Structure formats: C-alpha cells, structure tokens
Amino acid sequence: MSDSDYLFVYGTLKSDAINIHAQKFHEQAELVGHARWFGRLYLVTNYPAAIISPDEDECVFGELWKLNNPEQVLLLLDEYEQCAVSSPSPHEYKRSLQAVRIDGEIVSAWVYVYQLNIDHLSRIESGIFINENQALIR
C-alpha cells in the first residue's frame, strides 16, 4: 500500500517532457501544479539528480502530480528510475517520502532522490531542470 498518492517530479517526467516514459506517466496521473522541495539539483547527463538539502534556501523546483493508481504507477516508475527490486545495484535513485511545498501548503509526496556520488556532477544552481532533449531514452 502506498503512503502517498502524490509524486514530485523535477526532470524527465515533468509536463514539458516529451518521451515515452513521461507520456505513460501523464496518462496515469493528474498534474496538481508547480511545487518545490528542499534539495539540491545536479546534472547527470541529459537528466537531473536531486539530493536532500538541510538548507531551506535551497530548492528544487518541479511539479506535484496525483497518481490515479499509486501502487501500479510507482512500480513502473521504480523500474524507470532504476530502483526497483530487480534493478542492478547500486541504485541510482531511492524513492522517498518528502515534504513538498505547493501554494503555501506542505504535502507528503514521493520523490526520487539521487543515491550515487555527486562530486563529479555539475550543480544546477537555479534548481530548475529544463527538458532540452525531447527524445530522451534512458
């Protein structure tokens, strides 16, 4: 059973992403609106990585989505984010319940948090990932 029906996305699953994974996700969820999460954003290659930040001045900006069938959708997304039980280790991401801010309120939502070393990654200071490669296949 899911602990939340909400998912915060900040990269290749946002509403401006045009790839098969985003399309399938958008068919199974409803966009609630623009949101932010206390974190730091980095660029891996053509997709982002977000880590938890203790500093409330550091935010990752993205979108909050309400999942129509959370258990089913999250299983599919765990495979996409390569953190499913069957995914090879070490997992790049971990799905974690986090406090997400939207319209002045705090919502408990799932966030895919990056788990690997960030030392070699470039920081995205703005906290906003822009989907430029519209044919992204990960």
N, C-alpha and C. Protein backbone atom coordinates (compact mmCIF):
# COMPACT_ATOMS: atom_id res chain seq x y z
N MET A 1 0.84 -1.19 0.00
CA MET A 1 0.00 0.00 0.00
C MET A 1 0.88 1.25 0.00
N SER A 2 0.49 2.25 -0.76
CA SER A 2 1.24 3.50 -0.88
C SER A 2 0.98 4.40 0.32
N ASP A 3 2.02 5.09 0.77
CA ASP A 3 1.87 6.04 1.87
C ASP A 3 1.44 7.42 1.37
N SER A 4 1.46 7.63 0.07
CA SER A 4 1.04 8.90 -0.52
C SER A 4 0.57 8.66 -1.94
N ASP A 5 -0.41 9.44 -2.35
CA ASP A 5 -0.91 9.39 -3.73
C ASP A 5 -0.22 10.43 -4.60
N TYR A 6 0.77 11.12 -4.03
CA TYR A 6 1.42 12.22 -4.75
C TYR A 6 2.87 11.91 -5.08
N LEU A 7 3.30 12.45 -6.22
CA LEU A 7 4.68 12.32 -6.66
C LEU A 7 5.18 13.69 -7.10
N PHE A 8 6.36 14.05 -6.60
CA PHE A 8 7.03 15.28 -7.02
C PHE A 8 8.03 14.91 -8.11
N VAL A 9 7.90 15.53 -9.27
CA VAL A 9 8.84 15.27 -10.37
C VAL A 9 9.60 16.55 -10.70
N TYR A 10 10.87 16.39 -11.08
CA TYR A 10 11.72 17.56 -11.31
C TYR A 10 12.55 17.43 -12.57
N GLY A 11 12.30 16.40 -13.36
CA GLY A 11 13.15 16.18 -14.53
C GLY A 11 12.40 15.65 -15.73
N THR A 12 12.77 14.46 -16.13
CA THR A 12 12.29 13.89 -17.39
C THR A 12 10.86 13.37 -17.35
N LEU A 13 10.17 13.58 -16.23
CA LEU A 13 8.75 13.21 -16.15
C LEU A 13 7.84 14.43 -16.02
N LYS A 14 8.43 15.64 -16.06
CA LYS A 14 7.62 16.86 -15.95
C LYS A 14 6.71 16.98 -17.17
N SER A 15 5.74 17.88 -17.06
CA SER A 15 4.75 18.05 -18.11
C SER A 15 5.34 18.53 -19.44
N ASP A 16 6.53 19.16 -19.41
CA ASP A 16 7.16 19.61 -20.65
C ASP A 16 8.05 18.56 -21.29
N ALA A 17 8.15 17.39 -20.68
CA ALA A 17 8.99 16.31 -21.22
C ALA A 17 8.22 15.55 -22.29
N ILE A 18 8.92 15.28 -23.38
CA ILE A 18 8.30 14.51 -24.46
C ILE A 18 9.13 13.26 -24.65
N ASN A 19 8.77 12.22 -23.92
CA ASN A 19 9.39 10.90 -24.08
C ASN A 19 8.35 9.87 -23.69
N ILE A 20 8.56 8.65 -24.06
CA ILE A 20 7.55 7.61 -23.87
C ILE A 20 7.24 7.39 -22.39
N HIS A 21 8.25 7.50 -21.52
CA HIS A 21 8.03 7.29 -20.09
C HIS A 21 7.17 8.40 -19.50
N ALA A 22 7.45 9.64 -19.89
CA ALA A 22 6.65 10.77 -19.42
C ALA A 22 5.22 10.65 -19.93
N GLN A 23 5.08 10.27 -21.19
CA GLN A 23 3.74 10.14 -21.77
C GLN A 23 2.91 9.10 -21.00
N LYS A 24 3.50 7.94 -20.74
CA LYS A 24 2.79 6.91 -19.99
C LYS A 24 2.45 7.38 -18.58
N PHE A 25 3.39 8.08 -17.94
CA PHE A 25 3.16 8.61 -16.60
C PHE A 25 2.00 9.61 -16.62
N HIS A 26 2.01 10.55 -17.57
CA HIS A 26 0.98 11.58 -17.64
C HIS A 26 -0.41 10.99 -17.85
N GLU A 27 -0.49 9.84 -18.51
CA GLU A 27 -1.77 9.18 -18.72
C GLU A 27 -2.32 8.56 -17.44
N GLN A 28 -1.45 8.39 -16.42
CA GLN A 28 -1.85 7.71 -15.19
C GLN A 28 -1.83 8.62 -13.97
N ALA A 29 -1.77 9.93 -14.22
CA ALA A 29 -1.69 10.88 -13.11
C ALA A 29 -2.29 12.22 -13.53
N GLU A 30 -2.57 13.05 -12.54
CA GLU A 30 -3.11 14.38 -12.81
C GLU A 30 -2.15 15.42 -12.23
N LEU A 31 -1.82 16.41 -13.05
CA LEU A 31 -0.95 17.50 -12.61
C LEU A 31 -1.69 18.36 -11.59
N VAL A 32 -1.12 18.50 -10.40
CA VAL A 32 -1.70 19.35 -9.36
C VAL A 32 -1.19 20.78 -9.54
N GLY A 33 0.13 20.92 -9.80
CA GLY A 33 0.68 22.24 -10.03
C GLY A 33 2.17 22.31 -9.75
N HIS A 34 2.71 23.51 -9.90
CA HIS A 34 4.13 23.75 -9.65
C HIS A 34 4.40 23.66 -8.16
N ALA A 35 5.51 23.04 -7.80
CA ALA A 35 5.84 22.83 -6.39
C ALA A 35 7.35 22.94 -6.22
N ARG A 36 7.78 22.92 -4.94
CA ARG A 36 9.22 22.94 -4.67
C ARG A 36 9.51 22.03 -3.49
N TRP A 37 10.76 21.58 -3.46
CA TRP A 37 11.22 20.65 -2.43
C TRP A 37 12.60 21.09 -1.99
N PHE A 38 12.88 20.98 -0.69
CA PHE A 38 14.18 21.40 -0.17
C PHE A 38 15.24 20.40 -0.63
N GLY A 39 16.02 20.81 -1.61
CA GLY A 39 17.04 19.93 -2.14
C GLY A 39 18.02 20.70 -3.01
N ARG A 40 18.98 19.96 -3.53
CA ARG A 40 19.96 20.50 -4.47
C ARG A 40 19.84 19.70 -5.75
N LEU A 41 19.98 20.39 -6.86
CA LEU A 41 19.81 19.77 -8.16
C LEU A 41 21.14 19.74 -8.91
N TYR A 42 21.41 18.60 -9.55
CA TYR A 42 22.63 18.39 -10.33
C TYR A 42 22.28 17.82 -11.69
N LEU A 43 23.20 17.98 -12.64
CA LEU A 43 23.02 17.42 -13.97
C LEU A 43 23.86 16.16 -14.09
N VAL A 44 23.21 15.02 -14.40
CA VAL A 44 23.94 13.77 -14.58
C VAL A 44 24.46 13.73 -16.00
N THR A 45 23.60 13.64 -16.97
CA THR A 45 23.96 13.77 -18.39
C THR A 45 22.85 14.61 -19.00
N ASN A 46 21.85 13.96 -19.58
CA ASN A 46 20.69 14.69 -20.09
C ASN A 46 19.49 14.53 -19.16
N TYR A 47 19.76 14.22 -17.93
CA TYR A 47 18.72 14.13 -16.90
C TYR A 47 19.30 14.59 -15.56
N PRO A 48 18.43 15.01 -14.63
CA PRO A 48 18.90 15.58 -13.38
C PRO A 48 18.97 14.58 -12.23
N ALA A 49 19.65 15.02 -11.18
CA ALA A 49 19.74 14.28 -9.92
C ALA A 49 19.47 15.27 -8.81
N ALA A 50 18.60 14.89 -7.88
CA ALA A 50 18.30 15.77 -6.74
C ALA A 50 18.68 15.05 -5.45
N ILE A 51 19.28 15.81 -4.55
CA ILE A 51 19.62 15.26 -3.24
C ILE A 51 18.96 16.13 -2.16
N ILE A 52 18.78 15.58 -1.00
CA ILE A 52 18.18 16.29 0.12
C ILE A 52 19.12 17.39 0.60
N SER A 53 18.56 18.55 0.92
CA SER A 53 19.35 19.65 1.47
C SER A 53 18.75 20.06 2.82
N PRO A 54 19.61 20.27 3.81
CA PRO A 54 19.11 20.75 5.10
C PRO A 54 18.82 22.25 5.08
N ASP A 55 19.25 22.93 4.02
CA ASP A 55 19.13 24.38 3.90
C ASP A 55 17.81 24.72 3.21
N GLU A 56 16.91 25.41 3.92
CA GLU A 56 15.61 25.75 3.35
C GLU A 56 15.70 26.80 2.25
N ASP A 57 16.87 27.39 2.07
CA ASP A 57 17.06 28.34 0.98
C ASP A 57 17.36 27.64 -0.34
N GLU A 58 17.67 26.35 -0.27
CA GLU A 58 17.98 25.58 -1.48
C GLU A 58 16.74 24.77 -1.87
N CYS A 59 16.27 25.01 -3.09
CA CYS A 59 15.06 24.32 -3.53
C CYS A 59 15.24 23.71 -4.90
N VAL A 60 14.56 22.61 -5.09
CA VAL A 60 14.40 22.01 -6.40
C VAL A 60 12.97 22.34 -6.82
N PHE A 61 12.83 22.92 -8.00
CA PHE A 61 11.51 23.29 -8.49
C PHE A 61 11.01 22.23 -9.47
N GLY A 62 9.76 21.86 -9.31
CA GLY A 62 9.20 20.84 -10.18
C GLY A 62 7.69 20.88 -10.13
N GLU A 63 7.09 19.70 -10.24
CA GLU A 63 5.63 19.60 -10.31
C GLU A 63 5.14 18.53 -9.35
N LEU A 64 3.96 18.76 -8.80
CA LEU A 64 3.30 17.77 -7.96
C LEU A 64 2.20 17.12 -8.78
N TRP A 65 2.22 15.79 -8.79
CA TRP A 65 1.23 15.00 -9.54
C TRP A 65 0.48 14.09 -8.58
N LYS A 66 -0.83 13.92 -8.83
CA LYS A 66 -1.64 12.98 -8.07
C LYS A 66 -1.77 11.71 -8.90
N LEU A 67 -1.37 10.60 -8.32
CA LEU A 67 -1.35 9.32 -9.04
C LEU A 67 -2.73 8.67 -9.00
N ASN A 68 -3.20 8.21 -10.16
CA ASN A 68 -4.52 7.56 -10.23
C ASN A 68 -4.50 6.19 -9.56
N ASN A 69 -3.43 5.45 -9.73
CA ASN A 69 -3.29 4.12 -9.14
C ASN A 69 -1.86 4.05 -8.59
N PRO A 70 -1.63 4.60 -7.39
CA PRO A 70 -0.27 4.76 -6.88
C PRO A 70 0.59 3.50 -6.89
N GLU A 71 0.06 2.39 -6.43
CA GLU A 71 0.87 1.17 -6.35
C GLU A 71 1.38 0.76 -7.72
N GLN A 72 0.50 0.75 -8.71
CA GLN A 72 0.87 0.34 -10.06
C GLN A 72 1.85 1.34 -10.70
N VAL A 73 1.54 2.63 -10.59
CA VAL A 73 2.37 3.66 -11.22
C VAL A 73 3.76 3.68 -10.59
N LEU A 74 3.83 3.59 -9.27
CA LEU A 74 5.12 3.64 -8.60
C LEU A 74 6.00 2.44 -8.94
N LEU A 75 5.40 1.27 -9.12
CA LEU A 75 6.18 0.10 -9.55
C LEU A 75 6.81 0.34 -10.92
N LEU A 76 6.05 0.91 -11.83
CA LEU A 76 6.57 1.22 -13.17
C LEU A 76 7.66 2.28 -13.10
N LEU A 77 7.43 3.31 -12.29
CA LEU A 77 8.42 4.38 -12.17
C LEU A 77 9.68 3.92 -11.46
N ASP A 78 9.55 2.99 -10.51
CA ASP A 78 10.74 2.43 -9.86
C ASP A 78 11.64 1.75 -10.89
N GLU A 79 11.02 1.08 -11.86
CA GLU A 79 11.81 0.45 -12.93
C GLU A 79 12.49 1.52 -13.79
N TYR A 80 11.74 2.56 -14.15
CA TYR A 80 12.29 3.64 -14.96
C TYR A 80 13.44 4.34 -14.23
N GLU A 81 13.28 4.57 -12.95
CA GLU A 81 14.30 5.25 -12.15
C GLU A 81 15.39 4.29 -11.67
N GLN A 82 15.29 3.05 -12.07
CA GLN A 82 16.28 2.01 -11.80
C GLN A 82 16.49 1.77 -10.30
N CYS A 83 15.38 1.78 -9.56
CA CYS A 83 15.47 1.47 -8.13
C CYS A 83 14.47 0.39 -7.73
N ALA A 84 14.00 -0.37 -8.71
CA ALA A 84 13.12 -1.50 -8.42
C ALA A 84 13.95 -2.62 -7.79
N VAL A 85 13.28 -3.54 -7.15
CA VAL A 85 13.96 -4.68 -6.52
C VAL A 85 14.83 -5.41 -7.56
N SER A 86 14.34 -5.47 -8.79
CA SER A 86 15.05 -6.19 -9.85
C SER A 86 16.16 -5.36 -10.50
N SER A 87 16.26 -4.08 -10.17
CA SER A 87 17.28 -3.21 -10.78
C SER A 87 18.67 -3.55 -10.24
N PRO A 88 19.69 -3.43 -11.09
CA PRO A 88 21.05 -3.71 -10.63
C PRO A 88 21.50 -2.70 -9.58
N SER A 89 22.31 -3.17 -8.65
CA SER A 89 22.86 -2.29 -7.61
C SER A 89 24.23 -1.79 -8.04
N PRO A 90 24.65 -0.64 -7.59
CA PRO A 90 23.91 0.25 -6.68
C PRO A 90 22.82 1.01 -7.43
N HIS A 91 21.72 1.27 -6.76
CA HIS A 91 20.62 2.00 -7.37
C HIS A 91 20.98 3.48 -7.47
N GLU A 92 20.63 4.05 -8.61
CA GLU A 92 20.92 5.46 -8.84
C GLU A 92 20.00 6.35 -7.99
N TYR A 93 18.77 5.92 -7.82
CA TYR A 93 17.78 6.69 -7.06
C TYR A 93 17.14 5.82 -5.99
N LYS A 94 16.55 6.51 -5.02
CA LYS A 94 15.73 5.86 -4.00
C LYS A 94 14.44 6.67 -3.89
N ARG A 95 13.31 5.98 -3.92
CA ARG A 95 12.04 6.68 -3.76
C ARG A 95 11.82 6.93 -2.27
N SER A 96 11.56 8.20 -1.92
CA SER A 96 11.48 8.60 -0.52
C SER A 96 10.31 9.56 -0.31
N LEU A 97 9.59 9.39 0.81
CA LEU A 97 8.52 10.33 1.15
C LEU A 97 9.14 11.61 1.69
N GLN A 98 8.75 12.74 1.10
CA GLN A 98 9.34 14.03 1.46
C GLN A 98 8.24 15.09 1.58
N ALA A 99 8.56 16.15 2.30
CA ALA A 99 7.67 17.30 2.41
C ALA A 99 7.87 18.20 1.20
N VAL A 100 6.80 18.42 0.45
CA VAL A 100 6.84 19.23 -0.76
C VAL A 100 5.92 20.42 -0.56
N ARG A 101 6.38 21.59 -0.96
CA ARG A 101 5.57 22.81 -0.81
C ARG A 101 4.84 23.13 -2.11
N ILE A 102 3.54 23.41 -1.97
CA ILE A 102 2.73 23.85 -3.10
C ILE A 102 1.69 24.84 -2.59
N ASP A 103 1.66 26.00 -3.19
CA ASP A 103 0.69 27.04 -2.82
C ASP A 103 0.67 27.31 -1.32
N GLY A 104 1.83 27.37 -0.70
CA GLY A 104 1.93 27.67 0.72
C GLY A 104 1.61 26.51 1.65
N GLU A 105 1.24 25.37 1.10
CA GLU A 105 0.94 24.20 1.91
C GLU A 105 2.05 23.16 1.76
N ILE A 106 2.12 22.25 2.73
CA ILE A 106 3.08 21.16 2.66
C ILE A 106 2.32 19.87 2.42
N VAL A 107 2.76 19.11 1.42
CA VAL A 107 2.16 17.84 1.05
C VAL A 107 3.22 16.75 1.15
N SER A 108 2.87 15.61 1.68
CA SER A 108 3.77 14.47 1.70
C SER A 108 3.72 13.79 0.34
N ALA A 109 4.85 13.74 -0.34
CA ALA A 109 4.90 13.21 -1.69
C ALA A 109 6.14 12.35 -1.88
N TRP A 110 6.05 11.43 -2.81
CA TRP A 110 7.21 10.63 -3.18
C TRP A 110 8.16 11.48 -4.01
N VAL A 111 9.45 11.32 -3.77
CA VAL A 111 10.49 12.00 -4.54
C VAL A 111 11.57 10.97 -4.83
N TYR A 112 12.07 10.96 -6.06
CA TYR A 112 13.20 10.09 -6.40
C TYR A 112 14.47 10.86 -6.08
N VAL A 113 15.17 10.41 -5.02
CA VAL A 113 16.36 11.07 -4.51
C VAL A 113 17.60 10.32 -5.02
N TYR A 114 18.55 11.08 -5.55
CA TYR A 114 19.78 10.51 -6.10
C TYR A 114 20.62 9.89 -5.00
N GLN A 115 21.20 8.71 -5.27
CA GLN A 115 21.95 7.96 -4.26
C GLN A 115 23.44 7.83 -4.53
N LEU A 116 23.88 8.16 -5.74
CA LEU A 116 25.28 7.97 -6.08
C LEU A 116 26.10 9.22 -5.76
N ASN A 117 27.39 9.14 -5.94
CA ASN A 117 28.30 10.24 -5.65
C ASN A 117 28.02 11.43 -6.57
N ILE A 118 27.95 12.62 -6.01
CA ILE A 118 27.66 13.82 -6.80
C ILE A 118 28.91 14.66 -7.07
N ASP A 119 30.07 14.25 -6.57
CA ASP A 119 31.28 15.06 -6.68
C ASP A 119 31.64 15.43 -8.12
N HIS A 120 31.33 14.57 -9.06
CA HIS A 120 31.69 14.82 -10.46
C HIS A 120 30.57 15.50 -11.25
N LEU A 121 29.43 15.77 -10.60
CA LEU A 121 28.28 16.35 -11.30
C LEU A 121 28.27 17.87 -11.20
N SER A 122 27.70 18.51 -12.22
CA SER A 122 27.55 19.97 -12.21
C SER A 122 26.27 20.34 -11.49
N ARG A 123 26.36 21.33 -10.62
CA ARG A 123 25.19 21.78 -9.87
C ARG A 123 24.33 22.66 -10.76
N ILE A 124 23.01 22.50 -10.67
CA ILE A 124 22.06 23.38 -11.34
C ILE A 124 21.60 24.37 -10.27
N GLU A 125 22.26 25.52 -10.23
CA GLU A 125 22.05 26.49 -9.15
C GLU A 125 20.61 26.99 -9.07
N SER A 126 19.94 27.10 -10.20
CA SER A 126 18.57 27.63 -10.22
C SER A 126 17.57 26.66 -9.60
N GLY A 127 17.95 25.37 -9.52
CA GLY A 127 17.03 24.36 -9.02
C GLY A 127 15.98 23.94 -10.03
N ILE A 128 16.17 24.38 -11.28
CA ILE A 128 15.19 24.09 -12.34
C ILE A 128 15.87 23.31 -13.46
N PHE A 129 15.37 22.12 -13.74
CA PHE A 129 15.87 21.33 -14.87
C PHE A 129 15.00 21.66 -16.07
N ILE A 130 15.66 21.93 -17.21
CA ILE A 130 14.94 22.23 -18.44
C ILE A 130 15.11 21.05 -19.39
N ASN A 131 13.99 20.50 -19.82
CA ASN A 131 14.00 19.37 -20.75
C ASN A 131 14.34 19.89 -22.14
N GLU A 132 15.58 19.63 -22.56
CA GLU A 132 16.02 20.08 -23.88
C GLU A 132 16.04 18.93 -24.87
N ASN A 133 16.42 17.74 -24.42
CA ASN A 133 16.46 16.59 -25.31
C ASN A 133 15.10 15.91 -25.27
N GLN A 134 14.24 16.29 -26.19
CA GLN A 134 12.85 15.83 -26.16
C GLN A 134 12.68 14.36 -26.53
N ALA A 135 13.70 13.75 -27.10
CA ALA A 135 13.60 12.34 -27.47
C ALA A 135 14.37 11.47 -26.48
N LEU A 136 14.39 11.91 -25.25
CA LEU A 136 15.16 11.22 -24.21
C LEU A 136 14.75 9.77 -24.05
N ILE A 137 15.72 8.90 -24.11
CA ILE A 137 15.50 7.49 -23.78
C ILE A 137 16.59 7.14 -22.80
N ARG A 138 16.20 6.73 -21.62
CA ARG A 138 17.18 6.39 -20.59
C ARG A 138 17.35 4.92 -20.53
